[in-house]
């Protein structure tokens, strides 16, 4: 089992977005921006998605290089549960590492957002 966890200050994400608006297009997919920016306060959702990417990268050292921010996308299923949608290059890296299942959990308080990513490997 592999576990990656990350926590992000929501205010930090808000400040980066205000200071450097192109940050949004560099980090998030169009679908994520549509979801987050539809909220009256998008920053907790943006921070949670940023934390999810960082938590994913912490699963295995091979995800530190060659995996861009937009190669990992947080989507929401029909029941409201978040899941990761991975680019082809990331899927190939997961297959090489024999990772077969990835689950995520996202949460936030007033000031911080957290993501946990848990993956299982084939034995």
PDB file of N, CA and C in Angstrom:
ATOM      1  N   UNK A   1       0.853  -1.177   0.000  1.00  0.00           N
ATOM      2  CA  UNK A   1       0.000   0.000   0.000  1.00  0.00           C
ATOM      3  C   UNK A   1       0.902   1.243   0.000  1.00  0.00           C
ATOM      4  N   UNK A   2       0.484   2.216  -0.764  1.00  0.00           N
ATOM      5  CA  UNK A   2       1.180   3.498  -0.835  1.00  0.00           C
ATOM      6  C   UNK A   2       0.241   4.585  -0.348  1.00  0.00           C
ATOM      7  N   UNK A   3       0.791   5.553   0.372  1.00  0.00           N
ATOM      8  CA  UNK A   3      -0.024   6.655   0.887  1.00  0.00           C
ATOM      9  C   UNK A   3       0.688   7.975   0.633  1.00  0.00           C
ATOM     10  N   UNK A   4      -0.059   8.941   0.127  1.00  0.00           N
ATOM     11  CA  UNK A   4       0.442  10.303  -0.025  1.00  0.00           C
ATOM     12  C   UNK A   4      -0.549  11.266   0.605  1.00  0.00           C
ATOM     13  N   UNK A   5      -0.051  12.221   1.354  1.00  0.00           N
ATOM     14  CA  UNK A   5      -0.913  13.197   2.024  1.00  0.00           C
ATOM     15  C   UNK A   5      -0.317  14.585   1.811  1.00  0.00           C
ATOM     16  N   UNK A   6      -1.179  15.566   1.620  1.00  0.00           N
ATOM     17  CA  UNK A   6      -0.705  16.941   1.518  1.00  0.00           C
ATOM     18  C   UNK A   6      -1.763  17.879   2.099  1.00  0.00           C
ATOM     19  N   UNK A   7      -1.288  18.967   2.677  1.00  0.00           N
ATOM     20  CA  UNK A   7      -2.165  19.995   3.247  1.00  0.00           C
ATOM     21  C   UNK A   7      -1.743  21.344   2.676  1.00  0.00           C
ATOM     22  N   UNK A   8      -2.723  22.175   2.358  1.00  0.00           N
ATOM     23  CA  UNK A   8      -2.470  23.456   1.704  1.00  0.00           C
ATOM     24  C   UNK A   8      -3.245  24.554   2.420  1.00  0.00           C
ATOM     25  N   UNK A   9      -2.605  25.694   2.619  1.00  0.00           N
ATOM     26  CA  UNK A   9      -3.307  26.858   3.155  1.00  0.00           C
ATOM     27  C   UNK A   9      -4.158  27.472   2.041  1.00  0.00           C
ATOM     28  N   UNK A  10      -5.431  27.593   2.288  1.00  0.00           N
ATOM     29  CA  UNK A  10      -6.361  28.127   1.288  1.00  0.00           C
ATOM     30  C   UNK A  10      -5.999  29.568   0.936  1.00  0.00           C
ATOM     31  N   UNK A  11      -5.628  30.351   1.915  1.00  0.00           N
ATOM     32  CA  UNK A  11      -5.264  31.748   1.671  1.00  0.00           C
ATOM     33  C   UNK A  11      -4.070  31.848   0.720  1.00  0.00           C
ATOM     34  N   UNK A  12      -3.133  30.917   0.842  1.00  0.00           N
ATOM     35  CA  UNK A  12      -1.962  30.913  -0.041  1.00  0.00           C
ATOM     36  C   UNK A  12      -2.379  30.719  -1.498  1.00  0.00           C
ATOM     37  N   UNK A  13      -3.299  29.789  -1.745  1.00  0.00           N
ATOM     38  CA  UNK A  13      -3.797  29.561  -3.101  1.00  0.00           C
ATOM     39  C   UNK A  13      -4.514  30.805  -3.597  1.00  0.00           C
ATOM     40  N   UNK A  14      -5.333  31.410  -2.745  1.00  0.00           N
ATOM     41  CA  UNK A  14      -6.057  32.623  -3.139  1.00  0.00           C
ATOM     42  C   UNK A  14      -5.082  33.733  -3.524  1.00  0.00           C
ATOM     43  N   UNK A  15      -4.042  33.926  -2.735  1.00  0.00           N
ATOM     44  CA  UNK A  15      -3.058  34.970  -3.027  1.00  0.00           C
ATOM     45  C   UNK A  15      -2.328  34.709  -4.339  1.00  0.00           C
ATOM     46  N   UNK A  16      -1.983  33.461  -4.596  1.00  0.00           N
ATOM     47  CA  UNK A  16      -1.301  33.117  -5.854  1.00  0.00           C
ATOM     48  C   UNK A  16      -2.219  33.387  -7.046  1.00  0.00           C
ATOM     49  N   UNK A  17      -3.469  33.003  -6.938  1.00  0.00           N
ATOM     50  CA  UNK A  17      -4.428  33.206  -8.037  1.00  0.00           C
ATOM     51  C   UNK A  17      -4.617  34.693  -8.313  1.00  0.00           C
ATOM     52  N   UNK A  18      -4.732  35.490  -7.264  1.00  0.00           N
ATOM     53  CA  UNK A  18      -4.922  36.936  -7.442  1.00  0.00           C
ATOM     54  C   UNK A  18      -3.668  37.581  -8.027  1.00  0.00           C
ATOM     55  N   UNK A  19      -2.510  37.170  -7.541  1.00  0.00           N
ATOM     56  CA  UNK A  19      -1.245  37.746  -7.999  1.00  0.00           C
ATOM     57  C   UNK A  19      -0.869  37.266  -9.406  1.00  0.00           C
ATOM     58  N   UNK A  20      -1.134  35.977  -9.690  1.00  0.00           N
ATOM     59  CA  UNK A  20      -0.719  35.374 -10.958  1.00  0.00           C
ATOM     60  C   UNK A  20      -1.876  34.558 -11.524  1.00  0.00           C
ATOM     61  N   UNK A  21      -2.823  35.198 -12.199  1.00  0.00           N
ATOM     62  CA  UNK A  21      -4.002  34.475 -12.692  1.00  0.00           C
ATOM     63  C   UNK A  21      -3.679  33.305 -13.627  1.00  0.00           C
ATOM     64  N   UNK A  22      -2.568  33.369 -14.352  1.00  0.00           N
ATOM     65  CA  UNK A  22      -2.237  32.267 -15.269  1.00  0.00           C
ATOM     66  C   UNK A  22      -1.931  30.968 -14.506  1.00  0.00           C
ATOM     67  N   UNK A  23      -1.706  31.069 -13.208  1.00  0.00           N
ATOM     68  CA  UNK A  23      -1.522  29.899 -12.353  1.00  0.00           C
ATOM     69  C   UNK A  23      -2.676  28.909 -12.542  1.00  0.00           C
ATOM     70  N   UNK A  24      -3.887  29.432 -12.670  1.00  0.00           N
ATOM     71  CA  UNK A  24      -5.061  28.570 -12.821  1.00  0.00           C
ATOM     72  C   UNK A  24      -4.935  27.656 -14.033  1.00  0.00           C
ATOM     73  N   UNK A  25      -4.559  28.206 -15.171  1.00  0.00           N
ATOM     74  CA  UNK A  25      -4.455  27.427 -16.417  1.00  0.00           C
ATOM     75  C   UNK A  25      -3.248  26.492 -16.399  1.00  0.00           C
ATOM     76  N   UNK A  26      -2.205  26.846 -15.645  1.00  0.00           N
ATOM     77  CA  UNK A  26      -1.019  25.991 -15.556  1.00  0.00           C
ATOM     78  C   UNK A  26      -1.266  24.762 -14.691  1.00  0.00           C
ATOM     79  N   UNK A  27      -2.098  24.905 -13.682  1.00  0.00           N
ATOM     80  CA  UNK A  27      -2.268  23.845 -12.687  1.00  0.00           C
ATOM     81  C   UNK A  27      -3.525  23.002 -12.921  1.00  0.00           C
ATOM     82  N   UNK A  28      -4.633  23.648 -13.243  1.00  0.00           N
ATOM     83  CA  UNK A  28      -5.928  22.974 -13.269  1.00  0.00           C
ATOM     84  C   UNK A  28      -6.427  22.739 -14.692  1.00  0.00           C
ATOM     85  N   UNK A  29      -7.231  21.683 -14.848  1.00  0.00           N
ATOM     86  CA  UNK A  29      -7.859  21.408 -16.138  1.00  0.00           C
ATOM     87  C   UNK A  29      -9.095  22.309 -16.290  1.00  0.00           C
ATOM     88  N   UNK A  30      -9.599  22.385 -17.498  1.00  0.00           N
ATOM     89  CA  UNK A  30     -10.801  23.191 -17.743  1.00  0.00           C
ATOM     90  C   UNK A  30     -11.989  22.693 -16.921  1.00  0.00           C
ATOM     91  N   UNK A  31     -12.130  21.375 -16.829  1.00  0.00           N
ATOM     92  CA  UNK A  31     -13.251  20.814 -16.053  1.00  0.00           C
ATOM     93  C   UNK A  31     -13.131  21.177 -14.573  1.00  0.00           C
ATOM     94  N   UNK A  32     -11.923  21.137 -14.046  1.00  0.00           N
ATOM     95  CA  UNK A  32     -11.728  21.513 -12.642  1.00  0.00           C
ATOM     96  C   UNK A  32     -12.038  22.989 -12.430  1.00  0.00           C
ATOM     97  N   UNK A  33     -11.602  23.823 -13.358  1.00  0.00           N
ATOM     98  CA  UNK A  33     -11.885  25.258 -13.237  1.00  0.00           C
ATOM     99  C   UNK A  33     -13.384  25.520 -13.328  1.00  0.00           C
ATOM    100  N   UNK A  34     -14.070  24.837 -14.244  1.00  0.00           N
ATOM    101  CA  UNK A  34     -15.525  24.992 -14.340  1.00  0.00           C
ATOM    102  C   UNK A  34     -16.189  24.641 -13.009  1.00  0.00           C
ATOM    103  N   UNK A  35     -15.768  23.541 -12.402  1.00  0.00           N
ATOM    104  CA  UNK A  35     -16.351  23.098 -11.134  1.00  0.00           C
ATOM    105  C   UNK A  35     -16.042  24.092 -10.015  1.00  0.00           C
ATOM    106  N   UNK A  36     -14.773  24.417  -9.844  1.00  0.00           N
ATOM    107  CA  UNK A  36     -14.360  25.262  -8.721  1.00  0.00           C
ATOM    108  C   UNK A  36     -14.882  26.692  -8.844  1.00  0.00           C
ATOM    109  N   UNK A  37     -14.775  27.257 -10.041  1.00  0.00           N
ATOM    110  CA  UNK A  37     -15.157  28.653 -10.232  1.00  0.00           C
ATOM    111  C   UNK A  37     -16.675  28.850 -10.233  1.00  0.00           C
ATOM    112  N   UNK A  38     -17.428  27.750 -10.271  1.00  0.00           N
ATOM    113  CA  UNK A  38     -18.887  27.872 -10.172  1.00  0.00           C
ATOM    114  C   UNK A  38     -19.333  28.089  -8.720  1.00  0.00           C
ATOM    115  N   UNK A  39     -18.421  27.899  -7.792  1.00  0.00           N
ATOM    116  CA  UNK A  39     -18.743  28.061  -6.372  1.00  0.00           C
ATOM    117  C   UNK A  39     -18.584  29.532  -5.959  1.00  0.00           C
ATOM    118  N   UNK A  40     -19.339  29.950  -4.946  1.00  0.00           N
ATOM    119  CA  UNK A  40     -19.232  31.339  -4.492  1.00  0.00           C
ATOM    120  C   UNK A  40     -17.844  31.625  -3.918  1.00  0.00           C
ATOM    121  N   UNK A  41     -17.218  30.623  -3.324  1.00  0.00           N
ATOM    122  CA  UNK A  41     -15.841  30.735  -2.851  1.00  0.00           C
ATOM    123  C   UNK A  41     -15.066  29.558  -3.444  1.00  0.00           C
ATOM    124  N   UNK A  42     -14.360  29.765  -4.545  1.00  0.00           N
ATOM    125  CA  UNK A  42     -13.687  28.657  -5.220  1.00  0.00           C
ATOM    126  C   UNK A  42     -12.393  28.191  -4.557  1.00  0.00           C
ATOM    127  N   UNK A  43     -11.849  28.979  -3.654  1.00  0.00           N
ATOM    128  CA  UNK A  43     -10.503  28.717  -3.149  1.00  0.00           C
ATOM    129  C   UNK A  43     -10.355  27.429  -2.330  1.00  0.00           C
ATOM    130  N   UNK A  44     -11.312  27.040  -1.490  1.00  0.00           N
ATOM    131  CA  UNK A  44     -11.164  25.749  -0.817  1.00  0.00           C
ATOM    132  C   UNK A  44     -11.097  24.572  -1.801  1.00  0.00           C
ATOM    133  N   UNK A  45     -11.917  24.614  -2.841  1.00  0.00           N
ATOM    134  CA  UNK A  45     -11.898  23.537  -3.837  1.00  0.00           C
ATOM    135  C   UNK A  45     -10.615  23.555  -4.652  1.00  0.00           C
ATOM    136  N   UNK A  46     -10.144  24.738  -5.001  1.00  0.00           N
ATOM    137  CA  UNK A  46      -8.869  24.837  -5.716  1.00  0.00           C
ATOM    138  C   UNK A  46      -7.725  24.311  -4.853  1.00  0.00           C
ATOM    139  N   UNK A  47      -7.725  24.674  -3.580  1.00  0.00           N
ATOM    140  CA  UNK A  47      -6.670  24.222  -2.672  1.00  0.00           C
ATOM    141  C   UNK A  47      -6.715  22.703  -2.495  1.00  0.00           C
ATOM    142  N   UNK A  48      -7.897  22.139  -2.376  1.00  0.00           N
ATOM    143  CA  UNK A  48      -8.023  20.685  -2.217  1.00  0.00           C
ATOM    144  C   UNK A  48      -7.488  19.959  -3.446  1.00  0.00           C
ATOM    145  N   UNK A  49      -7.745  20.496  -4.616  1.00  0.00           N
ATOM    146  CA  UNK A  49      -7.249  19.873  -5.843  1.00  0.00           C
ATOM    147  C   UNK A  49      -5.737  20.014  -5.970  1.00  0.00           C
ATOM    148  N   UNK A  50      -5.212  21.128  -5.525  1.00  0.00           N
ATOM    149  CA  UNK A  50      -3.758  21.286  -5.515  1.00  0.00           C
ATOM    150  C   UNK A  50      -3.149  20.260  -4.549  1.00  0.00           C
ATOM    151  N   UNK A  51      -3.743  20.121  -3.376  1.00  0.00           N
ATOM    152  CA  UNK A  51      -3.258  19.149  -2.396  1.00  0.00           C
ATOM    153  C   UNK A  51      -3.341  17.724  -2.948  1.00  0.00           C
ATOM    154  N   UNK A  52      -4.382  17.425  -3.716  1.00  0.00           N
ATOM    155  CA  UNK A  52      -4.526  16.088  -4.302  1.00  0.00           C
ATOM    156  C   UNK A  52      -3.376  15.778  -5.251  1.00  0.00           C
ATOM    157  N   UNK A  53      -2.981  16.762  -6.058  1.00  0.00           N
ATOM    158  CA  UNK A  53      -1.858  16.556  -6.969  1.00  0.00           C
ATOM    159  C   UNK A  53      -0.563  16.290  -6.194  1.00  0.00           C
ATOM    160  N   UNK A  54      -0.348  17.087  -5.171  1.00  0.00           N
ATOM    161  CA  UNK A  54       0.862  16.919  -4.366  1.00  0.00           C
ATOM    162  C   UNK A  54       0.843  15.579  -3.618  1.00  0.00           C
ATOM    163  N   UNK A  55      -0.305  15.195  -3.103  1.00  0.00           N
ATOM    164  CA  UNK A  55      -0.414  13.908  -2.405  1.00  0.00           C
ATOM    165  C   UNK A  55      -0.144  12.760  -3.378  1.00  0.00           C
ATOM    166  N   UNK A  56      -0.651  12.877  -4.598  1.00  0.00           N
ATOM    167  CA  UNK A  56      -0.392  11.847  -5.602  1.00  0.00           C
ATOM    168  C   UNK A  56       1.106  11.735  -5.887  1.00  0.00           C
ATOM    169  N   UNK A  57       1.767  12.863  -6.046  1.00  0.00           N
ATOM    170  CA  UNK A  57       3.203  12.863  -6.332  1.00  0.00           C
ATOM    171  C   UNK A  57       4.011  12.226  -5.198  1.00  0.00           C
ATOM    172  N   UNK A  58       3.466  12.250  -3.993  1.00  0.00           N
ATOM    173  CA  UNK A  58       4.150  11.671  -2.835  1.00  0.00           C
ATOM    174  C   UNK A  58       3.965  10.153  -2.720  1.00  0.00           C
ATOM    175  N   UNK A  59       3.102   9.585  -3.554  1.00  0.00           N
ATOM    176  CA  UNK A  59       2.906   8.133  -3.516  1.00  0.00           C
ATOM    177  C   UNK A  59       4.197   7.377  -3.810  1.00  0.00           C
ATOM    178  N   UNK A  60       4.958   7.875  -4.785  1.00  0.00           N
ATOM    179  CA  UNK A  60       6.171   7.193  -5.220  1.00  0.00           C
ATOM    180  C   UNK A  60       7.112   8.229  -5.813  1.00  0.00           C
ATOM    181  N   UNK A  61       8.398   8.070  -5.559  1.00  0.00           N
ATOM    182  CA  UNK A  61       9.372   9.057  -6.027  1.00  0.00           C
ATOM    183  C   UNK A  61       9.362   9.230  -7.541  1.00  0.00           C
ATOM    184  N   UNK A  62       8.935   8.210  -8.298  1.00  0.00           N
ATOM    185  CA  UNK A  62       8.931   8.341  -9.763  1.00  0.00           C
ATOM    186  C   UNK A  62       7.879   9.335 -10.252  1.00  0.00           C
ATOM    187  N   UNK A  63       6.937   9.681  -9.415  1.00  0.00           N
ATOM    188  CA  UNK A  63       5.927  10.662  -9.804  1.00  0.00           C
ATOM    189  C   UNK A  63       6.414  12.096  -9.590  1.00  0.00           C
ATOM    190  N   UNK A  64       7.598  12.255  -9.008  1.00  0.00           N
ATOM    191  CA  UNK A  64       8.155  13.592  -8.765  1.00  0.00           C
ATOM    192  C   UNK A  64       8.620  14.247 -10.065  1.00  0.00           C
ATOM    193  N   UNK A  65       9.072  13.443 -11.013  1.00  0.00           N
ATOM    194  CA  UNK A  65       9.575  13.977 -12.285  1.00  0.00           C
ATOM    195  C   UNK A  65       8.760  13.395 -13.430  1.00  0.00           C
ATOM    196  N   UNK A  66       8.530  14.216 -14.420  1.00  0.00           N
ATOM    197  CA  UNK A  66       7.829  13.747 -15.603  1.00  0.00           C
ATOM    198  C   UNK A  66       6.324  13.702 -15.479  1.00  0.00           C
ATOM    199  N   UNK A  67       5.795  14.150 -14.364  1.00  0.00           N
ATOM    200  CA  UNK A  67       4.344  14.216 -14.178  1.00  0.00           C
ATOM    201  C   UNK A  67       3.977  15.668 -13.946  1.00  0.00           C
ATOM    202  N   UNK A  68       3.268  16.247 -14.907  1.00  0.00           N
ATOM    203  CA  UNK A  68       2.842  17.632 -14.792  1.00  0.00           C
ATOM    204  C   UNK A  68       1.591  17.764 -13.940  1.00  0.00           C
ATOM    205  N   UNK A  69       1.331  18.977 -13.501  1.00  0.00           N
ATOM    206  CA  UNK A  69       0.152  19.204 -12.667  1.00  0.00           C
ATOM    207  C   UNK A  69      -1.135  18.804 -13.375  1.00  0.00           C
ATOM    208  N   UNK A  70      -1.216  19.083 -14.665  1.00  0.00           N
ATOM    209  CA  UNK A  70      -2.449  18.781 -15.395  1.00  0.00           C
ATOM    210  C   UNK A  70      -2.537  17.315 -15.829  1.00  0.00           C
ATOM    211  N   UNK A  71      -1.514  16.520 -15.511  1.00  0.00           N
ATOM    212  CA  UNK A  71      -1.563  15.083 -15.787  1.00  0.00           C
ATOM    213  C   UNK A  71      -2.392  14.333 -14.752  1.00  0.00           C
ATOM    214  N   UNK A  72      -2.741  15.002 -13.679  1.00  0.00           N
ATOM    215  CA  UNK A  72      -3.565  14.430 -12.613  1.00  0.00           C
ATOM    216  C   UNK A  72      -4.748  15.366 -12.412  1.00  0.00           C
ATOM    217  N   UNK A  73      -5.944  14.847 -12.624  1.00  0.00           N
ATOM    218  CA  UNK A  73      -7.150  15.670 -12.531  1.00  0.00           C
ATOM    219  C   UNK A  73      -8.113  15.077 -11.503  1.00  0.00           C
ATOM    220  N   UNK A  74      -8.702  15.935 -10.704  1.00  0.00           N
ATOM    221  CA  UNK A  74      -9.731  15.495  -9.754  1.00  0.00           C
ATOM    222  C   UNK A  74     -11.083  15.651 -10.426  1.00  0.00           C
ATOM    223  N   UNK A  75     -11.810  14.548 -10.481  1.00  0.00           N
ATOM    224  CA  UNK A  75     -13.173  14.555 -11.006  1.00  0.00           C
ATOM    225  C   UNK A  75     -14.102  14.102  -9.883  1.00  0.00           C
ATOM    226  N   UNK A  76     -15.377  14.316 -10.089  1.00  0.00           N
ATOM    227  CA  UNK A  76     -16.391  13.934  -9.114  1.00  0.00           C
ATOM    228  C   UNK A  76     -17.347  12.951  -9.799  1.00  0.00           C
ATOM    229  N   UNK A  77     -17.593  11.797  -9.172  1.00  0.00           N
ATOM    230  CA  UNK A  77     -18.509  10.833  -9.781  1.00  0.00           C
ATOM    231  C   UNK A  77     -19.966  11.225  -9.520  1.00  0.00           C
ATOM    232  N   UNK A  78     -20.881  10.404  -9.996  1.00  0.00           N
ATOM    233  CA  UNK A  78     -22.312  10.730  -9.893  1.00  0.00           C
ATOM    234  C   UNK A  78     -22.824  10.731  -8.455  1.00  0.00           C
ATOM    235  N   UNK A  79     -22.046  10.182  -7.530  1.00  0.00           N
ATOM    236  CA  UNK A  79     -22.433  10.170  -6.120  1.00  0.00           C
ATOM    237  C   UNK A  79     -21.741  11.269  -5.319  1.00  0.00           C
ATOM    238  N   UNK A  80     -20.950  12.102  -5.990  1.00  0.00           N
ATOM    239  CA  UNK A  80     -20.252  13.192  -5.324  1.00  0.00           C
ATOM    240  C   UNK A  80     -18.886  12.807  -4.769  1.00  0.00           C
ATOM    241  N   UNK A  81     -18.436  11.591  -5.072  1.00  0.00           N
ATOM    242  CA  UNK A  81     -17.142  11.109  -4.573  1.00  0.00           C
ATOM    243  C   UNK A  81     -16.027  11.536  -5.539  1.00  0.00           C
ATOM    244  N   UNK A  82     -14.957  12.113  -5.000  1.00  0.00           N
ATOM    245  CA  UNK A  82     -13.846  12.497  -5.881  1.00  0.00           C
ATOM    246  C   UNK A  82     -13.018  11.279  -6.306  1.00  0.00           C
ATOM    247  N   UNK A  83     -12.469  11.382  -7.503  1.00  0.00           N
ATOM    248  CA  UNK A  83     -11.536  10.359  -7.983  1.00  0.00           C
ATOM    249  C   UNK A  83     -10.507  11.031  -8.875  1.00  0.00           C
ATOM    250  N   UNK A  84      -9.410  10.336  -9.118  1.00  0.00           N
ATOM    251  CA  UNK A  84      -8.352  10.885  -9.959  1.00  0.00           C
ATOM    252  C   UNK A  84      -8.473  10.346 -11.374  1.00  0.00           C
ATOM    253  N   UNK A  85      -8.387  11.259 -12.311  1.00  0.00           N
ATOM    254  CA  UNK A  85      -8.318  10.916 -13.730  1.00  0.00           C
ATOM    255  C   UNK A  85      -6.874  11.196 -14.138  1.00  0.00           C
ATOM    256  N   UNK A  86      -6.200  10.187 -14.678  1.00  0.00           N
ATOM    257  CA  UNK A  86      -4.776  10.281 -14.952  1.00  0.00           C
ATOM    258  C   UNK A  86      -4.497  10.311 -16.453  1.00  0.00           C
ATOM    259  N   UNK A  87      -3.480  11.083 -16.842  1.00  0.00           N
ATOM    260  CA  UNK A  87      -3.072  11.130 -18.240  1.00  0.00           C
ATOM    261  C   UNK A  87      -2.411   9.810 -18.628  1.00  0.00           C
ATOM    262  N   UNK A  88      -2.226   9.623 -19.918  1.00  0.00           N
ATOM    263  CA  UNK A  88      -1.629   8.390 -20.423  1.00  0.00           C
ATOM    264  C   UNK A  88      -0.242   8.148 -19.821  1.00  0.00           C
ATOM    265  N   UNK A  89       0.567   9.176 -19.746  1.00  0.00           N
ATOM    266  CA  UNK A  89       1.918   9.005 -19.194  1.00  0.00           C
ATOM    267  C   UNK A  89       1.876   8.574 -17.734  1.00  0.00           C
ATOM    268  N   UNK A  90       0.928   9.086 -16.981  1.00  0.00           N
ATOM    269  CA  UNK A  90       0.808   8.711 -15.569  1.00  0.00           C
ATOM    270  C   UNK A  90       0.276   7.282 -15.444  1.00  0.00           C
ATOM    271  N   UNK A  91      -0.660   6.931 -16.297  1.00  0.00           N
ATOM    272  CA  UNK A  91      -1.167   5.548 -16.284  1.00  0.00           C
ATOM    273  C   UNK A  91      -0.027   4.577 -16.568  1.00  0.00           C
ATOM    274  N   UNK A  92       0.832   4.922 -17.522  1.00  0.00           N
ATOM    275  CA  UNK A  92       1.975   4.059 -17.842  1.00  0.00           C
ATOM    276  C   UNK A  92       2.920   3.938 -16.647  1.00  0.00           C
ATOM    277  N   UNK A  93       3.164   5.043 -15.950  1.00  0.00           N
ATOM    278  CA  UNK A  93       4.015   4.997 -14.760  1.00  0.00           C
ATOM    279  C   UNK A  93       3.383   4.125 -13.680  1.00  0.00           C
ATOM    280  N   UNK A  94       2.072   4.233 -13.523  1.00  0.00           N
ATOM    281  CA  UNK A  94       1.376   3.409 -12.540  1.00  0.00           C
ATOM    282  C   UNK A  94       1.472   1.927 -12.909  1.00  0.00           C
ATOM    283  N   UNK A  95       1.302   1.621 -14.183  1.00  0.00           N
ATOM    284  CA  UNK A  95       1.412   0.232 -14.621  1.00  0.00           C
ATOM    285  C   UNK A  95       2.819  -0.298 -14.359  1.00  0.00           C
ATOM    286  N   UNK A  96       3.828   0.514 -14.641  1.00  0.00           N
ATOM    287  CA  UNK A  96       5.217   0.119 -14.393  1.00  0.00           C
ATOM    288  C   UNK A  96       5.452  -0.165 -12.906  1.00  0.00           C
ATOM    289  N   UNK A  97       4.828   0.600 -12.041  1.00  0.00           N
ATOM    290  CA  UNK A  97       4.959   0.417 -10.592  1.00  0.00           C
ATOM    291  C   UNK A  97       3.960  -0.597 -10.043  1.00  0.00           C
ATOM    292  N   UNK A  98       3.166  -1.189 -10.939  1.00  0.00           N
ATOM    293  CA  UNK A  98       2.163  -2.197 -10.584  1.00  0.00           C
ATOM    294  C   UNK A  98       1.093  -1.651  -9.636  1.00  0.00           C
ATOM    295  N   UNK A  99       0.788  -0.371  -9.798  1.00  0.00           N
ATOM    296  CA  UNK A  99      -0.288   0.248  -9.021  1.00  0.00           C
ATOM    297  C   UNK A  99      -1.602  -0.083  -9.716  1.00  0.00           C
ATOM    298  N   UNK A 100      -2.525  -0.676  -8.973  1.00  0.00           N
ATOM    299  CA  UNK A 100      -3.764  -1.110  -9.608  1.00  0.00           C
ATOM    300  C   UNK A 100      -4.994  -0.318  -9.184  1.00  0.00           C
ATOM    301  N   UNK A 101      -4.967   0.289  -8.016  1.00  0.00           N
ATOM    302  CA  UNK A 101      -6.141   1.034  -7.556  1.00  0.00           C
ATOM    303  C   UNK A 101      -5.681   2.266  -6.800  1.00  0.00           C
ATOM    304  N   UNK A 102      -6.351   3.389  -7.070  1.00  0.00           N
ATOM    305  CA  UNK A 102      -6.033   4.646  -6.397  1.00  0.00           C
ATOM    306  C   UNK A 102      -7.326   5.238  -5.864  1.00  0.00           C
ATOM    307  N   UNK A 103      -7.319   5.603  -4.589  1.00  0.00           N
ATOM    308  CA  UNK A 103      -8.459   6.261  -3.970  1.00  0.00           C
ATOM    309  C   UNK A 103      -8.001   7.574  -3.355  1.00  0.00           C
ATOM    310  N   UNK A 104      -8.896   8.555  -3.349  1.00  0.00           N
ATOM    311  CA  UNK A 104      -8.557   9.844  -2.743  1.00  0.00           C
ATOM    312  C   UNK A 104      -9.654  10.281  -1.787  1.00  0.00           C
ATOM    313  N   UNK A 105      -9.239  11.123  -0.870  1.00  0.00           N
ATOM    314  CA  UNK A 105     -10.174  11.783   0.030  1.00  0.00           C
ATOM    315  C   UNK A 105      -9.751  13.243   0.122  1.00  0.00           C
ATOM    316  N   UNK A 106     -10.709  14.131   0.002  1.00  0.00           N
ATOM    317  CA  UNK A 106     -10.459  15.572   0.079  1.00  0.00           C
ATOM    318  C   UNK A 106     -11.287  16.157   1.212  1.00  0.00           C
ATOM    319  N   UNK A 107     -10.723  17.152   1.889  1.00  0.00           N
ATOM    320  CA  UNK A 107     -11.466  17.843   2.932  1.00  0.00           C
ATOM    321  C   UNK A 107     -10.859  19.226   3.108  1.00  0.00           C
ATOM    322  N   UNK A 108     -11.630  20.105   3.719  1.00  0.00           N
ATOM    323  CA  UNK A 108     -11.086  21.425   4.037  1.00  0.00           C
ATOM    324  C   UNK A 108     -11.803  22.011   5.245  1.00  0.00           C
ATOM    325  N   UNK A 109     -11.076  22.866   5.912  1.00  0.00           N
ATOM    326  CA  UNK A 109     -11.648  23.659   6.995  1.00  0.00           C
ATOM    327  C   UNK A 109     -11.715  25.087   6.464  1.00  0.00           C
ATOM    328  N   UNK A 110     -11.874  26.030   7.334  1.00  0.00           N
ATOM    329  CA  UNK A 110     -11.911  27.429   6.914  1.00  0.00           C
ATOM    330  C   UNK A 110     -10.574  27.871   6.313  1.00  0.00           C
ATOM    331  N   UNK A 111      -9.476  27.335   6.858  1.00  0.00           N
ATOM    332  CA  UNK A 111      -8.155  27.825   6.469  1.00  0.00           C
ATOM    333  C   UNK A 111      -7.294  26.865   5.678  1.00  0.00           C
ATOM    334  N   UNK A 112      -7.570  25.567   5.757  1.00  0.00           N
ATOM    335  CA  UNK A 112      -6.705  24.592   5.116  1.00  0.00           C
ATOM    336  C   UNK A 112      -7.500  23.534   4.371  1.00  0.00           C
ATOM    337  N   UNK A 113      -6.863  23.019   3.318  1.00  0.00           N
ATOM    338  CA  UNK A 113      -7.428  21.907   2.558  1.00  0.00           C
ATOM    339  C   UNK A 113      -6.429  20.760   2.630  1.00  0.00           C
ATOM    340  N   UNK A 114      -6.952  19.552   2.668  1.00  0.00           N
ATOM    341  CA  UNK A 114      -6.095  18.371   2.771  1.00  0.00           C
ATOM    342  C   UNK A 114      -6.564  17.319   1.762  1.00  0.00           C
ATOM    343  N   UNK A 115      -5.595  16.548   1.291  1.00  0.00           N
ATOM    344  CA  UNK A 115      -5.904  15.430   0.401  1.00  0.00           C
ATOM    345  C   UNK A 115      -5.068  14.234   0.847  1.00  0.00           C
ATOM    346  N   UNK A 116      -5.707  13.083   0.820  1.00  0.00           N
ATOM    347  CA  UNK A 116      -5.017  11.816   1.060  1.00  0.00           C
ATOM    348  C   UNK A 116      -5.241  10.941  -0.163  1.00  0.00           C
ATOM    349  N   UNK A 117      -4.166  10.340  -0.644  1.00  0.00           N
ATOM    350  CA  UNK A 117      -4.234   9.418  -1.790  1.00  0.00           C
ATOM    351  C   UNK A 117      -3.673   8.089  -1.318  1.00  0.00           C
ATOM    352  N   UNK A 118      -4.465   7.036  -1.521  1.00  0.00           N
ATOM    353  CA  UNK A 118      -4.050   5.695  -1.126  1.00  0.00           C
ATOM    354  C   UNK A 118      -4.098   4.820  -2.366  1.00  0.00           C
ATOM    355  N   UNK A 119      -2.999   4.100  -2.599  1.00  0.00           N
ATOM    356  CA  UNK A 119      -2.921   3.224  -3.764  1.00  0.00           C
ATOM    357  C   UNK A 119      -2.511   1.821  -3.325  1.00  0.00           C
ATOM    358  N   UNK A 120      -2.980   0.851  -4.072  1.00  0.00           N
ATOM    359  CA  UNK A 120      -2.573  -0.539  -3.828  1.00  0.00           C
ATOM    360  C   UNK A 120      -1.795  -1.038  -5.039  1.00  0.00           C
ATOM    361  N   UNK A 121      -0.874  -1.946  -4.761  1.00  0.00           N
ATOM    362  CA  UNK A 121      -0.054  -2.557  -5.814  1.00  0.00           C
ATOM    363  C   UNK A 121      -0.450  -4.002  -5.998  1.00  0.00           C
ATOM    364  N   UNK A 122      -0.195  -4.502  -7.207  1.00  0.00           N
ATOM    365  CA  UNK A 122      -0.355  -5.921  -7.451  1.00  0.00           C
ATOM    366  C   UNK A 122       0.736  -6.662  -6.699  1.00  0.00           C
ATOM    367  N   UNK A 123       0.414  -7.807  -6.186  1.00  0.00           N
ATOM    368  CA  UNK A 123       1.444  -8.610  -5.503  1.00  0.00           C
ATOM    369  C   UNK A 123       2.036  -9.632  -6.447  1.00  0.00           C
TER     370      UNK A 123
END
